[in-house]
Protein backbone atom coordinates (compact mmCIF):
# COMPACT_ATOMS: atom_id res chain seq x y z
CA MET A 1 48.98 64.35 -44.82
CA LYS A 2 48.96 60.72 -45.87
CA ARG A 3 51.01 59.80 -42.78
CA GLY A 4 48.22 61.41 -40.37
CA GLY A 5 45.57 59.33 -42.33
CA GLY A 6 47.62 56.04 -42.04
CA SER A 7 47.87 56.34 -38.42
CA MET A 8 44.40 57.19 -38.05
CA ILE A 9 43.35 53.97 -39.93
CA ALA A 10 45.78 52.11 -37.80
CA ALA A 11 44.25 53.47 -34.58
CA LEU A 12 40.95 52.46 -35.82
CA ILE A 13 41.89 48.96 -36.79
CA LEU A 14 43.51 48.55 -33.18
CA THR A 15 40.14 50.05 -31.75
CA CYS A 16 37.95 47.55 -33.68
CA LEU A 17 40.38 44.64 -32.73
CA PHE A 18 39.85 45.48 -29.24
CA ALA A 19 36.24 45.80 -29.29
CA MET A 20 35.92 42.36 -30.89
CA THR A 21 38.20 40.92 -28.50
CA MET A 22 36.17 42.51 -25.65
CA LEU A 23 32.87 41.23 -27.25
CA LEU A 24 34.38 37.56 -27.75
CA THR A 25 35.46 37.57 -23.99
CA LEU A 26 31.78 38.56 -22.88
CA VAL A 27 30.27 35.95 -24.97
CA MET A 28 32.49 33.24 -23.71
CA GLY A 29 32.06 34.57 -20.17
CA ALA A 30 28.17 34.33 -20.52
CA LYS A 31 28.46 30.78 -21.72
CA VAL A 32 30.65 29.69 -18.81
CA TYR A 33 28.30 31.47 -16.29
CA ARG A 34 25.25 29.64 -17.90
CA GLY A 35 27.04 26.20 -17.55
CA VAL A 36 27.83 27.02 -13.85
CA GLN A 37 24.47 28.27 -13.34
CA GLN A 38 23.00 25.03 -14.70
CA ARG A 39 25.37 22.74 -12.66
CA VAL A 40 24.44 24.59 -9.61
CA GLU A 41 20.52 24.33 -10.39
CA ASP A 42 20.94 20.62 -11.16
CA SER A 43 22.70 19.88 -7.74
CA ALA A 44 20.19 21.77 -5.90
CA ALA A 45 17.51 20.09 -7.51
CA GLN A 46 18.96 16.68 -6.74
CA ARG A 47 19.52 17.57 -3.17
CA VAL A 48 16.23 19.25 -2.32
CA GLY A 49 13.91 16.41 -2.52
CA VAL A 50 15.67 14.18 -0.07
CA SER A 51 16.78 17.08 2.29
CA TYR A 52 13.29 18.39 2.46
CA ILE A 53 11.77 14.94 3.40
CA THR A 54 14.53 14.14 5.91
CA ALA A 55 14.25 17.62 7.51
CA LYS A 56 10.43 17.01 7.73
CA ILE A 57 11.00 13.66 9.36
CA HIS A 58 13.30 14.76 12.04
CA ALA A 59 10.93 17.71 12.81
CA ASN A 60 8.10 14.83 13.43
CA ASP A 61 10.42 12.29 15.37
CA HIS A 62 8.10 11.61 18.21
CA ALA A 63 6.00 8.69 19.34
CA ASP A 64 3.60 7.74 16.58
CA GLY A 65 4.88 10.76 14.70
CA VAL A 66 6.18 8.97 11.58
CA SER A 67 4.76 6.18 9.58
CA VAL A 68 4.98 4.76 6.11
CA GLN A 69 1.83 3.74 4.01
CA LYS A 70 0.26 3.69 0.62
CA PHE A 71 -1.49 6.70 -0.57
CA GLY A 72 -3.43 5.88 -3.44
CA ASP A 73 -1.00 3.80 -5.59
CA VAL A 74 2.15 5.49 -4.17
CA ASP A 75 4.35 5.18 -1.18
CA ALA A 76 4.03 8.12 1.50
CA VAL A 77 5.90 9.15 4.40
CA VAL A 78 3.16 10.25 6.86
CA LEU A 79 4.05 12.51 9.79
CA ALA A 80 1.36 13.17 12.58
CA GLN A 81 0.99 16.17 14.64
CA GLU A 82 -1.55 17.20 17.21
CA TYR A 83 -2.81 20.92 17.14
CA ASP A 84 -5.49 22.05 19.92
CA GLY A 85 -6.28 18.44 20.56
CA GLU A 86 -6.78 17.58 17.01
CA ARG A 87 -4.65 14.98 15.01
CA TYR A 88 -3.33 16.23 11.50
CA VAL A 89 -1.13 14.41 9.21
CA THR A 90 1.34 15.58 6.63
CA ALA A 91 1.87 13.09 3.70
CA LEU A 92 4.92 13.36 1.40
CA TYR A 93 4.95 11.28 -1.66
CA VAL A 94 5.86 11.47 -5.49
CA TYR A 95 2.79 11.78 -7.66
CA ASP A 96 2.49 12.83 -11.35
CA GLY A 97 6.16 13.95 -11.69
CA GLN A 98 6.17 15.91 -8.45
CA LEU A 99 7.27 15.49 -4.81
CA MET A 100 3.99 16.36 -3.13
CA GLU A 101 3.02 17.42 0.36
CA LEU A 102 -0.51 17.28 1.70
CA PHE A 103 -1.53 18.42 5.25
CA CYS A 104 -4.96 17.29 6.19
CA SER A 105 -6.90 15.87 9.29
CA ASN A 106 -7.75 12.55 7.57
CA LEU A 107 -5.82 11.23 4.68
CA ASP A 108 -8.58 8.94 3.58
CA ASP A 109 -10.72 11.88 2.71
CA PHE A 110 -8.01 13.07 -0.06
CA SER A 111 -6.39 11.88 -3.17
CA PRO A 112 -2.89 12.08 -4.22
CA ALA A 113 -3.63 14.76 -6.83
CA GLU A 114 -4.67 17.16 -4.08
CA GLY A 115 -1.19 17.66 -2.72
CA THR A 116 1.11 20.71 -3.18
CA PRO A 117 3.97 20.32 -5.61
CA ILE A 118 7.34 20.87 -3.82
CA VAL A 119 9.90 19.97 -6.65
CA GLU A 120 9.93 17.69 -9.52
CA ALA A 121 10.69 13.99 -8.83
CA GLN A 122 10.08 10.73 -10.51
CA GLN A 123 9.75 8.32 -7.55
CA LEU A 124 9.79 7.79 -3.70
CA THR A 125 9.89 4.55 -2.12
CA ALA A 126 9.82 4.41 1.66
CA GLN A 127 10.15 1.33 4.13
CA THR A 128 10.89 0.82 7.75
CA ALA A 129 14.19 -0.66 8.56
CA ASP A 130 16.07 -1.37 11.70
CA GLY A 131 14.06 1.33 14.03
CA GLY A 132 14.27 3.78 10.99
CA LEU A 133 13.34 4.66 7.71
CA GLU A 134 15.03 3.91 4.27
CA LEU A 135 14.14 6.37 1.45
CA VAL A 136 15.05 5.70 -2.19
CA TYR A 137 14.34 9.00 -3.97
CA THR A 138 14.68 9.60 -7.75
CA ASP A 139 15.15 13.18 -9.07
CA ALA A 140 13.45 14.54 -12.31
CA SER A 141 16.61 13.88 -14.22
CA GLY A 142 16.61 10.15 -13.05
CA ARG A 143 19.38 10.30 -10.48
CA THR A 144 18.57 8.04 -7.44
CA GLN A 145 19.42 8.87 -3.94
CA GLN A 146 19.30 6.58 -0.72
CA ALA A 147 18.96 7.72 2.81
CA TYR A 148 18.58 6.01 5.81
CA ILE A 149 16.90 8.02 8.66
CA ASN A 150 17.50 6.80 12.17
CA LEU A 151 14.87 7.75 14.43
CA ARG A 152 14.71 8.31 18.12
CA SER A 153 11.08 7.26 18.36
CA GLU A 154 9.26 4.16 17.11
CA VAL A 155 8.29 3.96 13.52
CA ASP A 156 4.46 3.19 12.84
CA ASP A 157 4.42 0.48 9.90
CA ARG A 158 1.12 -0.88 10.74
CA ALA A 159 -0.48 0.90 7.65
CA GLN A 160 2.45 -0.26 5.37
CA GLN A 161 1.26 -2.59 2.68
């Protein structure tokens, strides 16, 4: 009878070891998954700002469609569109730690605080350069990206200060 009890204890110990090994494997897998997920989110956040701005600029690349100007105290890329004979603008700028977008008929009637937040960011500088735009974008974690956007149309820099 002792022999049966010993094999039962050995089976119980092996089962416990197997359960502990499985538990440790799951915990380590969860840590690896969280690390990969964080890297993917960081990478996406870094690219979203510049990608968003450049896509908007390319969509509005027509005569008098793109300009660079000050909006409050910040640089803004201003995109003009016409709807039903009315002129509207979309301003893209960084304000209060966010990349912001503001769609309105007259930019002078609004302040930078009234825009819609897109993604966290620290800074955006924009200037005209050789028939295009040069952007310097700093994301929320302080990484800086530069982009040069070659435009088919003329850039309106009359309002740039």
